[in-house]
N, C-alpha and C. Protein backbone atom coordinates (compact mmCIF):
# COMPACT_ATOMS: atom_id res chain seq x y z
N MET A 1 -11.07 -96.15 -154.25
CA MET A 1 -11.16 -95.91 -155.68
C MET A 1 -12.34 -96.66 -156.29
N THR A 2 -12.63 -97.85 -155.83
CA THR A 2 -13.74 -98.62 -156.37
C THR A 2 -15.03 -97.84 -156.24
N PHE A 3 -15.24 -97.16 -155.12
CA PHE A 3 -16.45 -96.38 -154.90
C PHE A 3 -16.60 -95.31 -155.97
N ILE A 4 -15.51 -94.67 -156.32
CA ILE A 4 -15.54 -93.62 -157.33
C ILE A 4 -15.93 -94.20 -158.68
N ILE A 5 -15.35 -95.32 -159.04
CA ILE A 5 -15.66 -95.96 -160.31
C ILE A 5 -17.12 -96.38 -160.34
N GLN A 6 -17.63 -96.88 -159.23
CA GLN A 6 -19.02 -97.32 -159.17
C GLN A 6 -19.99 -96.16 -159.41
N ASN A 7 -19.61 -94.97 -159.08
CA ASN A 7 -20.48 -93.80 -159.25
C ASN A 7 -20.33 -93.13 -160.61
N PHE A 8 -19.36 -93.53 -161.39
CA PHE A 8 -19.12 -92.84 -162.66
C PHE A 8 -20.33 -92.87 -163.58
N GLY A 9 -20.89 -94.04 -163.81
CA GLY A 9 -22.02 -94.18 -164.74
C GLY A 9 -23.22 -93.34 -164.35
N PRO A 10 -23.71 -93.48 -163.10
CA PRO A 10 -24.85 -92.66 -162.70
C PRO A 10 -24.57 -91.16 -162.75
N ASN A 11 -23.36 -90.77 -162.42
CA ASN A 11 -23.02 -89.35 -162.47
C ASN A 11 -22.91 -88.84 -163.90
N LEU A 12 -22.40 -89.68 -164.79
CA LEU A 12 -22.35 -89.28 -166.20
C LEU A 12 -23.77 -89.09 -166.72
N ALA A 13 -24.66 -90.02 -166.42
CA ALA A 13 -26.06 -89.91 -166.86
C ALA A 13 -26.69 -88.64 -166.29
N ARG A 14 -26.45 -88.36 -165.03
CA ARG A 14 -27.02 -87.17 -164.39
C ARG A 14 -26.53 -85.90 -165.07
N LEU A 15 -25.23 -85.81 -165.30
CA LEU A 15 -24.68 -84.63 -165.95
C LEU A 15 -25.22 -84.46 -167.37
N ARG A 16 -25.32 -85.56 -168.08
CA ARG A 16 -25.83 -85.51 -169.45
C ARG A 16 -27.28 -85.03 -169.47
N ILE A 17 -28.09 -85.57 -168.59
CA ILE A 17 -29.50 -85.18 -168.52
C ILE A 17 -29.64 -83.73 -168.09
N GLU A 18 -28.85 -83.31 -167.11
CA GLU A 18 -28.89 -81.91 -166.66
C GLU A 18 -28.54 -80.96 -167.80
N LYS A 19 -27.63 -81.40 -168.66
CA LYS A 19 -27.22 -80.56 -169.80
C LYS A 19 -28.24 -80.64 -170.93
N GLY A 20 -29.15 -81.61 -170.86
CA GLY A 20 -30.20 -81.72 -171.86
C GLY A 20 -29.77 -82.32 -173.18
N VAL A 21 -28.80 -83.23 -173.14
CA VAL A 21 -28.35 -83.88 -174.37
C VAL A 21 -28.62 -85.38 -174.31
N SER A 22 -28.86 -85.95 -175.47
CA SER A 22 -29.08 -87.39 -175.57
C SER A 22 -27.74 -88.11 -175.57
N GLN A 23 -27.80 -89.41 -175.38
CA GLN A 23 -26.58 -90.21 -175.49
C GLN A 23 -25.98 -90.07 -176.88
N THR A 24 -26.84 -90.07 -177.89
CA THR A 24 -26.37 -89.95 -179.27
C THR A 24 -25.66 -88.62 -179.49
N GLN A 25 -26.26 -87.53 -179.01
CA GLN A 25 -25.64 -86.21 -179.18
C GLN A 25 -24.32 -86.12 -178.43
N LEU A 26 -24.29 -86.65 -177.21
CA LEU A 26 -23.04 -86.63 -176.44
C LEU A 26 -21.95 -87.40 -177.18
N ALA A 27 -22.30 -88.57 -177.68
CA ALA A 27 -21.33 -89.38 -178.41
C ALA A 27 -20.79 -88.64 -179.62
N GLU A 28 -21.69 -88.00 -180.37
CA GLU A 28 -21.27 -87.24 -181.56
C GLU A 28 -20.37 -86.07 -181.16
N ASP A 29 -20.76 -85.37 -180.11
CA ASP A 29 -19.97 -84.22 -179.65
C ASP A 29 -18.57 -84.63 -179.20
N LEU A 30 -18.47 -85.82 -178.62
CA LEU A 30 -17.19 -86.29 -178.10
C LEU A 30 -16.38 -87.07 -179.12
N GLY A 31 -17.03 -87.49 -180.21
CA GLY A 31 -16.35 -88.29 -181.21
C GLY A 31 -16.12 -89.72 -180.77
N ILE A 32 -17.05 -90.25 -179.99
CA ILE A 32 -16.96 -91.65 -179.57
C ILE A 32 -18.31 -92.31 -179.87
N GLY A 33 -18.36 -93.62 -179.81
CA GLY A 33 -19.57 -94.34 -180.16
C GLY A 33 -20.69 -94.17 -179.13
N LYS A 34 -21.93 -94.15 -179.64
CA LYS A 34 -23.08 -94.05 -178.76
C LYS A 34 -23.14 -95.24 -177.81
N GLN A 35 -22.76 -96.41 -178.30
CA GLN A 35 -22.78 -97.60 -177.45
C GLN A 35 -21.81 -97.44 -176.28
N SER A 36 -20.71 -96.75 -176.49
CA SER A 36 -19.76 -96.50 -175.39
C SER A 36 -20.41 -95.67 -174.29
N ILE A 37 -21.14 -94.62 -174.69
CA ILE A 37 -21.83 -93.78 -173.69
C ILE A 37 -22.83 -94.63 -172.92
N SER A 38 -23.61 -95.42 -173.64
CA SER A 38 -24.59 -96.29 -173.01
C SER A 38 -23.90 -97.25 -172.04
N ASP A 39 -22.82 -97.86 -172.47
CA ASP A 39 -22.09 -98.80 -171.62
C ASP A 39 -21.50 -98.12 -170.39
N TYR A 40 -21.00 -96.89 -170.54
CA TYR A 40 -20.48 -96.16 -169.38
C TYR A 40 -21.59 -95.92 -168.37
N GLU A 41 -22.74 -95.47 -168.86
CA GLU A 41 -23.84 -95.14 -167.95
C GLU A 41 -24.41 -96.39 -167.27
N LYS A 42 -24.39 -97.51 -167.96
CA LYS A 42 -24.88 -98.77 -167.39
C LYS A 42 -23.80 -99.51 -166.60
N GLN A 43 -22.61 -98.92 -166.58
CA GLN A 43 -21.46 -99.48 -165.88
C GLN A 43 -21.03 -100.84 -166.43
N LYS A 44 -21.25 -101.00 -167.74
CA LYS A 44 -20.78 -102.21 -168.41
C LYS A 44 -19.31 -102.08 -168.79
N SER A 45 -18.88 -100.83 -168.96
CA SER A 45 -17.47 -100.54 -169.24
C SER A 45 -17.17 -99.14 -168.73
N TYR A 46 -15.91 -98.79 -168.76
CA TYR A 46 -15.47 -97.49 -168.27
C TYR A 46 -14.61 -96.83 -169.33
N PRO A 47 -14.59 -95.50 -169.37
CA PRO A 47 -13.85 -94.82 -170.43
C PRO A 47 -12.34 -94.95 -170.27
N THR A 48 -11.68 -94.86 -171.41
CA THR A 48 -10.22 -94.76 -171.39
C THR A 48 -9.86 -93.40 -170.78
N PHE A 49 -8.62 -93.22 -170.45
CA PHE A 49 -8.21 -91.92 -169.91
C PHE A 49 -8.45 -90.82 -170.94
N ALA A 50 -8.23 -91.13 -172.22
CA ALA A 50 -8.45 -90.13 -173.27
C ALA A 50 -9.93 -89.73 -173.32
N ASN A 51 -10.81 -90.72 -173.25
CA ASN A 51 -12.24 -90.40 -173.29
C ASN A 51 -12.70 -89.75 -171.99
N LEU A 52 -12.10 -90.13 -170.89
CA LEU A 52 -12.42 -89.49 -169.62
C LEU A 52 -12.09 -88.00 -169.69
N ASP A 53 -10.96 -87.67 -170.28
CA ASP A 53 -10.58 -86.26 -170.45
C ASP A 53 -11.58 -85.52 -171.34
N LYS A 54 -12.04 -86.18 -172.42
CA LYS A 54 -13.04 -85.56 -173.30
C LYS A 54 -14.33 -85.29 -172.54
N ILE A 55 -14.75 -86.28 -171.75
CA ILE A 55 -15.99 -86.14 -170.98
C ILE A 55 -15.86 -85.01 -169.97
N ALA A 56 -14.75 -84.98 -169.25
CA ALA A 56 -14.53 -83.93 -168.25
C ALA A 56 -14.54 -82.55 -168.91
N GLU A 57 -13.87 -82.42 -170.04
CA GLU A 57 -13.83 -81.13 -170.73
C GLU A 57 -15.23 -80.73 -171.20
N TYR A 58 -15.98 -81.68 -171.71
CA TYR A 58 -17.33 -81.41 -172.21
C TYR A 58 -18.22 -80.84 -171.10
N PHE A 59 -18.08 -81.38 -169.92
CA PHE A 59 -18.91 -80.94 -168.80
C PHE A 59 -18.22 -79.89 -167.93
N ASN A 60 -17.12 -79.34 -168.45
CA ASN A 60 -16.35 -78.33 -167.70
C ASN A 60 -16.02 -78.82 -166.30
N ALA A 61 -15.59 -80.06 -166.24
CA ALA A 61 -15.25 -80.67 -164.96
C ALA A 61 -13.78 -81.07 -164.96
N ASN A 62 -13.31 -81.45 -163.83
CA ASN A 62 -11.95 -81.92 -163.65
C ASN A 62 -11.95 -83.42 -163.88
N SER A 63 -10.96 -83.96 -164.56
CA SER A 63 -10.90 -85.40 -164.78
C SER A 63 -10.38 -86.15 -163.55
N ASN A 64 -10.10 -85.42 -162.49
CA ASN A 64 -9.71 -86.05 -161.23
C ASN A 64 -10.86 -86.94 -160.78
N PRO A 65 -10.58 -88.20 -160.46
CA PRO A 65 -11.66 -89.13 -160.11
C PRO A 65 -12.53 -88.69 -158.95
N THR A 66 -12.07 -87.81 -158.10
CA THR A 66 -12.89 -87.43 -156.95
C THR A 66 -14.13 -86.64 -157.35
N ILE A 67 -14.15 -86.03 -158.54
CA ILE A 67 -15.34 -85.28 -158.93
C ILE A 67 -16.50 -86.19 -159.30
N TRP A 68 -16.21 -87.44 -159.58
CA TRP A 68 -17.26 -88.38 -159.96
C TRP A 68 -17.81 -89.11 -158.74
N ASN A 69 -17.35 -88.74 -157.58
CA ASN A 69 -17.76 -89.36 -156.33
C ASN A 69 -19.12 -88.87 -155.89
């Protein structure tokens, strides 16, 4: 599980960039703070389950941790 968590930030950044949205736009679209997105991508913090579900839905992904591997 630790490996999956370690990959979350880089994978979030990759998905966001592939979709062509800024951290600010992603934060606004999800209704969470821009600093939270930045912290997730830098692996300073990790999303709550509620925010993880929002992120997964936004990227049409499954919130199952294996997709972030």
